[in-house]
Amino acid sequence: MSHQETLRRSVSDIAPHTRWVRLNEEKLEPYLAEVGQRDRQISFDPTLTDVGDAETRIAFVLMRDATNFGSGWHPHLKKRPGLSGARTTGTALAEFFQKKGAPEVAWLQNIEAATCAEIFGQTMTPPVGDLMNHFADAWRQLGNAVAAQFDGLFGNLVANANGSAVALSNMLGEIGHFRDIYDYRGRSFPFLKRAQLACYDLSLSLPEDSRCRFNDLSDLTIFVDNLVPHVLKVDGVLIFESGLNGRIDAGELIP
């Protein structure tokens, strides 16, 4: 059973028994129809294609999505004008690739947090320094896996999936910070946020490359991001218990 199948089964089992959030089922069907009509989002991300040749783009996508976390630190980041924290770091990494090209895996295996801060235009001042340490750790883990299992070539990792986004996301899901599998009430929840996003980004970045023309993108699950429940709450699809609403509005960290 794939991680995606496990996640769907776990969600289906747990959803009827949630305690603080419930689904407004009357709203769901018309909401899905509305979303289908208004889904006009731009699917092209220029940073995915402005960084070099195919091998460089693959390295960029995997490195960028390996560090696609840490929104709790974003209020403290030095952000580019008009850009979010994620867009700021993504743009900075693209500029690094444009100037330097794709780094060698050996460089990635030994990267330090201070180098990450330099690449992303940040400082090591707390609490941002903590995020840079996490970024460096994520890149070292990625570099170690590529060196040990794929002859030091990012492209080999992608090629090993044989055109399957599910297979690639499951492979990535075993690497360091890409692995976000949690247990809750005895059930496994393999979210694979960054791993599945990498598959989608690769398909956008290299649509003509056979390694990135995945035949099963539709088998991936929804992008697991904190913005999703926020939007569903605002649009009335999810109903939060009043006490939970208060804790969220107060900015409380909730285990």
C-alpha atoms as a PDB file:
ATOM      1  CA  MET A   1       0.000   0.000   0.000  1.00  0.00           C
ATOM      2  CA  SER A   2       1.368   3.436  -0.931  1.00  0.00           C
ATOM      3  CA  HIS A   3       1.686   6.236   1.598  1.00  0.00           C
ATOM      4  CA  GLN A   4      -1.111   8.047  -0.236  1.00  0.00           C
ATOM      5  CA  GLU A   5      -3.480   5.100   0.228  1.00  0.00           C
ATOM      6  CA  THR A   6      -2.530   4.862   3.896  1.00  0.00           C
ATOM      7  CA  LEU A   7      -3.222   8.570   4.401  1.00  0.00           C
ATOM      8  CA  ARG A   8      -6.616   8.420   2.689  1.00  0.00           C
ATOM      9  CA  ARG A   9      -7.641   5.393   4.739  1.00  0.00           C
ATOM     10  CA  SER A  10      -6.490   6.988   8.006  1.00  0.00           C
ATOM     11  CA  VAL A  11      -8.276  10.261   7.259  1.00  0.00           C
ATOM     12  CA  SER A  12     -11.465   8.419   6.324  1.00  0.00           C
ATOM     13  CA  ASP A  13     -11.358   6.481   9.603  1.00  0.00           C
ATOM     14  CA  ILE A  14     -10.584   9.448  11.855  1.00  0.00           C
ATOM     15  CA  ALA A  15     -12.732  12.193  10.269  1.00  0.00           C
ATOM     16  CA  PRO A  16     -16.076  11.077  11.787  1.00  0.00           C
ATOM     17  CA  HIS A  17     -14.530  11.144  15.273  1.00  0.00           C
ATOM     18  CA  THR A  18     -12.845  14.548  15.375  1.00  0.00           C
ATOM     19  CA  ARG A  19     -13.299  16.569  18.569  1.00  0.00           C
ATOM     20  CA  TRP A  20     -12.517  20.218  17.756  1.00  0.00           C
ATOM     21  CA  VAL A  21     -13.087  20.567  14.012  1.00  0.00           C
ATOM     22  CA  ARG A  22     -15.976  19.261  11.955  1.00  0.00           C
ATOM     23  CA  LEU A  23     -16.930  19.276   8.308  1.00  0.00           C
ATOM     24  CA  ASN A  24     -19.932  21.282   7.164  1.00  0.00           C
ATOM     25  CA  GLU A  25     -21.208  18.578   4.823  1.00  0.00           C
ATOM     26  CA  GLU A  26     -24.045  20.715   3.462  1.00  0.00           C
ATOM     27  CA  LYS A  27     -21.455  23.225   2.277  1.00  0.00           C
ATOM     28  CA  LEU A  28     -19.055  20.713   0.774  1.00  0.00           C
ATOM     29  CA  GLU A  29     -20.640  19.746  -2.545  1.00  0.00           C
ATOM     30  CA  PRO A  30     -21.568  23.285  -3.679  1.00  0.00           C
ATOM     31  CA  TYR A  31     -18.142  24.441  -2.507  1.00  0.00           C
ATOM     32  CA  LEU A  32     -16.381  21.857  -4.674  1.00  0.00           C
ATOM     33  CA  ALA A  33     -18.434  22.988  -7.654  1.00  0.00           C
ATOM     34  CA  GLU A  34     -17.554  26.627  -6.938  1.00  0.00           C
ATOM     35  CA  VAL A  35     -13.860  25.852  -6.623  1.00  0.00           C
ATOM     36  CA  GLY A  36     -13.944  24.011  -9.927  1.00  0.00           C
ATOM     37  CA  GLN A  37     -15.290  27.165 -11.600  1.00  0.00           C
ATOM     38  CA  ARG A  38     -12.888  29.629  -9.979  1.00  0.00           C
ATOM     39  CA  ASP A  39      -9.715  27.562 -10.194  1.00  0.00           C
ATOM     40  CA  ARG A  40      -7.710  29.910 -12.388  1.00  0.00           C
ATOM     41  CA  GLN A  41      -4.493  29.935 -10.375  1.00  0.00           C
ATOM     42  CA  ILE A  42      -1.245  30.419 -12.240  1.00  0.00           C
ATOM     43  CA  SER A  43       0.528  27.061 -12.483  1.00  0.00           C
ATOM     44  CA  PHE A  44       3.733  28.485 -13.926  1.00  0.00           C
ATOM     45  CA  ASP A  45       6.433  29.462 -11.463  1.00  0.00           C
ATOM     46  CA  PRO A  46       9.244  31.300 -13.298  1.00  0.00           C
ATOM     47  CA  THR A  47      11.831  30.438 -10.669  1.00  0.00           C
ATOM     48  CA  LEU A  48      11.469  26.799 -11.702  1.00  0.00           C
ATOM     49  CA  THR A  49      12.718  27.379 -15.233  1.00  0.00           C
ATOM     50  CA  ASP A  50      15.109  30.318 -14.942  1.00  0.00           C
ATOM     51  CA  VAL A  51      17.867  28.440 -13.132  1.00  0.00           C
ATOM     52  CA  GLY A  52      19.602  26.506 -15.911  1.00  0.00           C
ATOM     53  CA  ASP A  53      19.497  23.196 -17.758  1.00  0.00           C
ATOM     54  CA  ALA A  54      17.508  20.093 -16.848  1.00  0.00           C
ATOM     55  CA  GLU A  55      19.946  18.729 -14.273  1.00  0.00           C
ATOM     56  CA  THR A  56      20.196  22.141 -12.627  1.00  0.00           C
ATOM     57  CA  ARG A  57      16.420  22.487 -12.455  1.00  0.00           C
ATOM     58  CA  ILE A  58      16.035  19.089 -10.829  1.00  0.00           C
ATOM     59  CA  ALA A  59      18.646  19.970  -8.215  1.00  0.00           C
ATOM     60  CA  PHE A  60      16.952  23.324  -7.605  1.00  0.00           C
ATOM     61  CA  VAL A  61      13.483  21.834  -7.125  1.00  0.00           C
ATOM     62  CA  LEU A  62      14.715  19.169  -4.716  1.00  0.00           C
ATOM     63  CA  MET A  63      16.784  21.641  -2.700  1.00  0.00           C
ATOM     64  CA  ARG A  64      14.029  24.244  -2.604  1.00  0.00           C
ATOM     65  CA  ASP A  65      11.324  21.806  -1.563  1.00  0.00           C
ATOM     66  CA  ALA A  66      13.622  20.174   1.003  1.00  0.00           C
ATOM     67  CA  THR A  67      13.514  23.546   2.788  1.00  0.00           C
ATOM     68  CA  ASN A  68       9.832  24.271   2.192  1.00  0.00           C
ATOM     69  CA  PHE A  69       8.944  24.512   5.872  1.00  0.00           C
ATOM     70  CA  GLY A  70       9.297  26.885   8.801  1.00  0.00           C
ATOM     71  CA  SER A  71       6.373  29.273   8.340  1.00  0.00           C
ATOM     72  CA  GLY A  72       6.420  29.829  12.093  1.00  0.00           C
ATOM     73  CA  TRP A  73       9.719  31.638  11.586  1.00  0.00           C
ATOM     74  CA  HIS A  74       8.552  33.659   8.572  1.00  0.00           C
ATOM     75  CA  PRO A  75       7.414  36.703  10.598  1.00  0.00           C
ATOM     76  CA  HIS A  76      11.050  37.067  11.657  1.00  0.00           C
ATOM     77  CA  LEU A  77      12.620  36.664   8.194  1.00  0.00           C
ATOM     78  CA  LYS A  78      14.022  39.569   6.231  1.00  0.00           C
ATOM     79  CA  LYS A  79      11.558  39.366   3.354  1.00  0.00           C
ATOM     80  CA  ARG A  80      11.771  40.759  -0.168  1.00  0.00           C
ATOM     81  CA  PRO A  81       9.314  43.617  -0.836  1.00  0.00           C
ATOM     82  CA  GLY A  82       5.903  42.201  -1.640  1.00  0.00           C
ATOM     83  CA  LEU A  83       6.994  38.579  -1.168  1.00  0.00           C
ATOM     84  CA  SER A  84       6.040  36.026   1.466  1.00  0.00           C
ATOM     85  CA  GLY A  85       8.638  34.120   3.449  1.00  0.00           C
ATOM     86  CA  ALA A  86       8.411  31.125   1.112  1.00  0.00           C
ATOM     87  CA  ARG A  87       8.695  33.294  -2.008  1.00  0.00           C
ATOM     88  CA  THR A  88      11.610  35.176  -0.470  1.00  0.00           C
ATOM     89  CA  THR A  89      13.628  32.027   0.187  1.00  0.00           C
ATOM     90  CA  GLY A  90      12.661  30.498  -3.164  1.00  0.00           C
ATOM     91  CA  THR A  91      13.719  33.599  -5.083  1.00  0.00           C
ATOM     92  CA  ALA A  92      16.996  33.858  -3.175  1.00  0.00           C
ATOM     93  CA  LEU A  93      17.827  30.219  -3.918  1.00  0.00           C
ATOM     94  CA  ALA A  94      16.997  30.717  -7.619  1.00  0.00           C
ATOM     95  CA  GLU A  95      19.402  33.672  -7.723  1.00  0.00           C
ATOM     96  CA  PHE A  96      22.087  31.532  -6.108  1.00  0.00           C
ATOM     97  CA  PHE A  97      21.596  28.866  -8.794  1.00  0.00           C
ATOM     98  CA  GLN A  98      21.679  31.485 -11.555  1.00  0.00           C
ATOM     99  CA  LYS A  99      25.040  32.759 -10.301  1.00  0.00           C
ATOM    100  CA  LYS A 100      26.688  29.543  -9.160  1.00  0.00           C
ATOM    101  CA  GLY A 101      24.879  26.724 -10.918  1.00  0.00           C
ATOM    102  CA  ALA A 102      23.855  23.521  -9.161  1.00  0.00           C
ATOM    103  CA  PRO A 103      26.127  22.723  -6.210  1.00  0.00           C
ATOM    104  CA  GLU A 104      28.046  19.486  -5.958  1.00  0.00           C
ATOM    105  CA  VAL A 105      26.493  16.910  -3.663  1.00  0.00           C
ATOM    106  CA  ALA A 106      29.673  16.865  -1.550  1.00  0.00           C
ATOM    107  CA  TRP A 107      29.175  20.595  -0.902  1.00  0.00           C
ATOM    108  CA  LEU A 108      25.602  19.924   0.142  1.00  0.00           C
ATOM    109  CA  GLN A 109      26.688  17.174   2.529  1.00  0.00           C
ATOM    110  CA  ASN A 110      28.882  19.604   4.436  1.00  0.00           C
ATOM    111  CA  ILE A 111      26.843  22.801   4.338  1.00  0.00           C
ATOM    112  CA  GLU A 112      26.600  24.911   7.483  1.00  0.00           C
ATOM    113  CA  ALA A 113      23.775  27.091   8.739  1.00  0.00           C
ATOM    114  CA  ALA A 114      25.771  30.288   8.185  1.00  0.00           C
ATOM    115  CA  THR A 115      26.047  29.451   4.482  1.00  0.00           C
ATOM    116  CA  CYS A 116      22.274  28.968   4.319  1.00  0.00           C
ATOM    117  CA  ALA A 117      21.811  32.381   5.936  1.00  0.00           C
ATOM    118  CA  GLU A 118      24.074  33.927   3.300  1.00  0.00           C
ATOM    119  CA  ILE A 119      22.201  32.236   0.430  1.00  0.00           C
ATOM    120  CA  PHE A 120      18.782  33.245   1.735  1.00  0.00           C
ATOM    121  CA  GLY A 121      19.806  36.776   2.694  1.00  0.00           C
ATOM    122  CA  GLN A 122      19.259  36.225   6.420  1.00  0.00           C
ATOM    123  CA  THR A 123      21.288  36.480   9.605  1.00  0.00           C
ATOM    124  CA  MET A 124      22.032  33.926  12.294  1.00  0.00           C
ATOM    125  CA  THR A 125      20.329  36.094  14.906  1.00  0.00           C
ATOM    126  CA  PRO A 126      17.721  34.116  16.905  1.00  0.00           C
ATOM    127  CA  PRO A 127      15.166  32.914  16.103  1.00  0.00           C
ATOM    128  CA  VAL A 128      16.038  32.977  12.374  1.00  0.00           C
ATOM    129  CA  GLY A 129      19.322  31.216  13.104  1.00  0.00           C
ATOM    130  CA  ASP A 130      17.349  28.210  14.319  1.00  0.00           C
ATOM    131  CA  LEU A 131      15.575  27.976  10.959  1.00  0.00           C
ATOM    132  CA  MET A 132      18.889  28.220   9.107  1.00  0.00           C
ATOM    133  CA  ASN A 133      20.153  25.295  11.195  1.00  0.00           C
ATOM    134  CA  HIS A 134      17.102  23.274  10.166  1.00  0.00           C
ATOM    135  CA  PHE A 135      17.638  24.223   6.509  1.00  0.00           C
ATOM    136  CA  ALA A 136      21.271  23.119   6.650  1.00  0.00           C
ATOM    137  CA  ASP A 137      20.252  19.844   8.259  1.00  0.00           C
ATOM    138  CA  ALA A 138      17.649  19.214   5.542  1.00  0.00           C
ATOM    139  CA  TRP A 139      20.198  19.837   2.786  1.00  0.00           C
ATOM    140  CA  ARG A 140      22.820  17.621   4.407  1.00  0.00           C
ATOM    141  CA  GLN A 141      20.272  14.811   4.655  1.00  0.00           C
ATOM    142  CA  LEU A 142      19.333  15.237   0.999  1.00  0.00           C
ATOM    143  CA  GLY A 143      22.979  15.320  -0.051  1.00  0.00           C
ATOM    144  CA  ASN A 144      23.809  12.209   1.951  1.00  0.00           C
ATOM    145  CA  ALA A 145      20.924  10.272   0.398  1.00  0.00           C
ATOM    146  CA  VAL A 146      21.775  11.314  -3.166  1.00  0.00           C
ATOM    147  CA  ALA A 147      25.447  10.450  -2.620  1.00  0.00           C
ATOM    148  CA  ALA A 148      24.748   7.064  -1.037  1.00  0.00           C
ATOM    149  CA  GLN A 149      21.875   5.827  -3.195  1.00  0.00           C
ATOM    150  CA  PHE A 150      21.971   7.656  -6.550  1.00  0.00           C
ATOM    151  CA  ASP A 151      25.649   8.042  -7.467  1.00  0.00           C
ATOM    152  CA  GLY A 152      25.654  11.663  -6.401  1.00  0.00           C
ATOM    153  CA  LEU A 153      23.212  12.733  -9.131  1.00  0.00           C
ATOM    154  CA  PHE A 154      19.860  14.375  -8.391  1.00  0.00           C
ATOM    155  CA  GLY A 155      18.591  13.305 -11.796  1.00  0.00           C
ATOM    156  CA  ASN A 156      19.171   9.656 -10.935  1.00  0.00           C
ATOM    157  CA  LEU A 157      16.861   9.981  -7.934  1.00  0.00           C
ATOM    158  CA  VAL A 158      14.046  11.274 -10.147  1.00  0.00           C
ATOM    159  CA  ALA A 159      14.728   8.742 -12.901  1.00  0.00           C
ATOM    160  CA  ASN A 160      14.514   5.925 -10.393  1.00  0.00           C
ATOM    161  CA  ALA A 161      10.781   6.635  -9.977  1.00  0.00           C
ATOM    162  CA  ASN A 162      10.133   5.479 -13.562  1.00  0.00           C
ATOM    163  CA  GLY A 163       7.569   8.169 -14.298  1.00  0.00           C
ATOM    164  CA  SER A 164       5.563   7.695 -11.100  1.00  0.00           C
ATOM    165  CA  ALA A 165       4.937  10.664  -8.821  1.00  0.00           C
ATOM    166  CA  VAL A 166       3.699   8.284  -6.131  1.00  0.00           C
ATOM    167  CA  ALA A 167       6.934   6.295  -6.289  1.00  0.00           C
ATOM    168  CA  LEU A 168       9.065   9.444  -6.208  1.00  0.00           C
ATOM    169  CA  SER A 169       7.162  10.973  -3.305  1.00  0.00           C
ATOM    170  CA  ASN A 170       7.512   7.736  -1.374  1.00  0.00           C
ATOM    171  CA  MET A 171      11.262   7.632  -2.060  1.00  0.00           C
ATOM    172  CA  LEU A 172      11.694  11.256  -1.029  1.00  0.00           C
ATOM    173  CA  GLY A 173       9.512  10.565   1.993  1.00  0.00           C
ATOM    174  CA  GLU A 174      12.253   8.404   3.428  1.00  0.00           C
ATOM    175  CA  ILE A 175      14.840  11.210   3.324  1.00  0.00           C
ATOM    176  CA  GLY A 176      15.333  13.455   6.342  1.00  0.00           C
ATOM    177  CA  HIS A 177      13.027  16.458   6.483  1.00  0.00           C
ATOM    178  CA  PHE A 178      11.023  15.126   3.536  1.00  0.00           C
ATOM    179  CA  ARG A 179       9.746  12.454   5.911  1.00  0.00           C
ATOM    180  CA  ASP A 180       6.690  13.813   7.722  1.00  0.00           C
ATOM    181  CA  ILE A 181       4.855  10.680   8.802  1.00  0.00           C
ATOM    182  CA  TYR A 182       2.936  10.928  12.056  1.00  0.00           C
ATOM    183  CA  ASP A 183       0.997   8.529  14.270  1.00  0.00           C
ATOM    184  CA  TYR A 184      -2.299   9.665  15.773  1.00  0.00           C
ATOM    185  CA  ARG A 185      -4.671   7.434  17.717  1.00  0.00           C
ATOM    186  CA  GLY A 186      -2.910   4.365  16.386  1.00  0.00           C
ATOM    187  CA  ARG A 187      -3.146   5.400  12.742  1.00  0.00           C
ATOM    188  CA  SER A 188      -0.362   6.434  10.385  1.00  0.00           C
ATOM    189  CA  PHE A 189      -0.616   9.811   8.642  1.00  0.00           C
ATOM    190  CA  PRO A 190       2.085  10.148   5.939  1.00  0.00           C
ATOM    191  CA  PHE A 191       1.487  13.738   4.846  1.00  0.00           C
ATOM    192  CA  LEU A 192       4.529  13.934   2.497  1.00  0.00           C
ATOM    193  CA  LYS A 193       3.969  17.672   2.017  1.00  0.00           C
ATOM    194  CA  ARG A 194       7.395  18.484   0.604  1.00  0.00           C
ATOM    195  CA  ALA A 195       7.829  15.163  -1.211  1.00  0.00           C
ATOM    196  CA  GLN A 196       4.559  15.485  -3.131  1.00  0.00           C
ATOM    197  CA  LEU A 197       5.165  19.175  -3.824  1.00  0.00           C
ATOM    198  CA  ALA A 198       8.539  18.286  -5.342  1.00  0.00           C
ATOM    199  CA  CYS A 199       6.799  15.962  -7.807  1.00  0.00           C
ATOM    200  CA  TYR A 200       4.397  18.687  -8.868  1.00  0.00           C
ATOM    201  CA  ASP A 201       7.177  21.274  -9.160  1.00  0.00           C
ATOM    202  CA  LEU A 202       9.276  18.905 -11.263  1.00  0.00           C
ATOM    203  CA  SER A 203       6.335  18.382 -13.614  1.00  0.00           C
ATOM    204  CA  LEU A 204       6.060  22.182 -14.039  1.00  0.00           C
ATOM    205  CA  SER A 205       9.797  22.721 -14.338  1.00  0.00           C
ATOM    206  CA  LEU A 206      10.540  20.002 -16.885  1.00  0.00           C
ATOM    207  CA  PRO A 207       7.324  19.090 -18.744  1.00  0.00           C
ATOM    208  CA  GLU A 208       9.277  17.754 -21.737  1.00  0.00           C
ATOM    209  CA  ASP A 209      11.689  15.638 -19.696  1.00  0.00           C
ATOM    210  CA  SER A 210      10.559  11.998 -19.574  1.00  0.00           C
ATOM    211  CA  ARG A 211      11.802  11.700 -15.996  1.00  0.00           C
ATOM    212  CA  CYS A 212       9.327  14.374 -14.893  1.00  0.00           C
ATOM    213  CA  ARG A 213       6.301  13.433 -17.003  1.00  0.00           C
ATOM    214  CA  PHE A 214       4.521  11.599 -14.240  1.00  0.00           C
ATOM    215  CA  ASN A 215       1.588   9.405 -15.202  1.00  0.00           C
ATOM    216  CA  ASP A 216      -0.089   9.462 -11.795  1.00  0.00           C
ATOM    217  CA  LEU A 217      -0.015  13.038 -10.476  1.00  0.00           C
ATOM    218  CA  SER A 218      -3.744  12.723  -9.773  1.00  0.00           C
ATOM    219  CA  ASP A 219      -2.969   9.991  -7.229  1.00  0.00           C
ATOM    220  CA  LEU A 220      -1.189  12.464  -4.950  1.00  0.00           C
ATOM    221  CA  THR A 221      -3.108  13.922  -2.028  1.00  0.00           C
ATOM    222  CA  ILE A 222      -3.970  17.548  -1.344  1.00  0.00           C
ATOM    223  CA  PHE A 223      -1.048  19.841  -0.506  1.00  0.00           C
ATOM    224  CA  VAL A 224      -0.671  19.620   3.276  1.00  0.00           C
ATOM    225  CA  ASP A 225      -0.195  23.227   4.346  1.00  0.00           C
ATOM    226  CA  ASN A 226      -1.511  25.343   7.205  1.00  0.00           C
ATOM    227  CA  LEU A 227      -3.160  27.700   4.714  1.00  0.00           C
ATOM    228  CA  VAL A 228      -5.579  24.971   3.585  1.00  0.00           C
ATOM    229  CA  PRO A 229      -7.576  24.601   6.840  1.00  0.00           C
ATOM    230  CA  HIS A 230      -7.481  28.392   7.233  1.00  0.00           C
ATOM    231  CA  VAL A 231      -9.134  28.920   3.836  1.00  0.00           C
ATOM    232  CA  LEU A 232     -11.659  26.129   4.450  1.00  0.00           C
ATOM    233  CA  LYS A 233     -12.490  27.684   7.828  1.00  0.00           C
ATOM    234  CA  VAL A 234     -12.960  31.166   6.364  1.00  0.00           C
ATOM    235  CA  ASP A 235     -15.135  29.727   3.572  1.00  0.00           C
ATOM    236  CA  GLY A 236     -17.320  27.836   6.048  1.00  0.00           C
ATOM    237  CA  VAL A 237     -16.386  24.315   5.003  1.00  0.00           C
ATOM    238  CA  LEU A 238     -14.662  23.559   8.304  1.00  0.00           C
ATOM    239  CA  ILE A 239     -16.271  24.544  11.591  1.00  0.00           C
ATOM    240  CA  PHE A 240     -13.873  25.051  14.517  1.00  0.00           C
ATOM    241  CA  GLU A 241     -14.905  24.663  18.149  1.00  0.00           C
ATOM    242  CA  SER A 242     -15.124  28.120  19.751  1.00  0.00           C
ATOM    243  CA  GLY A 243     -12.390  27.482  22.303  1.00  0.00           C
ATOM    244  CA  LEU A 244     -10.019  26.408  19.534  1.00  0.00           C
ATOM    245  CA  ASN A 245     -10.873  29.529  17.558  1.00  0.00           C
ATOM    246  CA  GLY A 246      -9.863  31.652  20.533  1.00  0.00           C
ATOM    247  CA  ARG A 247      -6.542  29.880  20.945  1.00  0.00           C
ATOM    248  CA  ILE A 248      -5.748  30.300  17.249  1.00  0.00           C
ATOM    249  CA  ASP A 249      -6.725  33.965  17.245  1.00  0.00           C
ATOM    250  CA  ALA A 250      -4.462  34.502  20.253  1.00  0.00           C
ATOM    251  CA  GLY A 251      -1.524  33.015  18.373  1.00  0.00           C
ATOM    252  CA  GLU A 252      -1.122  30.209  20.871  1.00  0.00           C
ATOM    253  CA  LEU A 253       1.122  27.290  19.946  1.00  0.00           C
ATOM    254  CA  ILE A 254      -1.049  24.172  20.052  1.00  0.00           C
ATOM    255  CA  PRO A 255       0.586  20.714  20.375  1.00  0.00           C
END
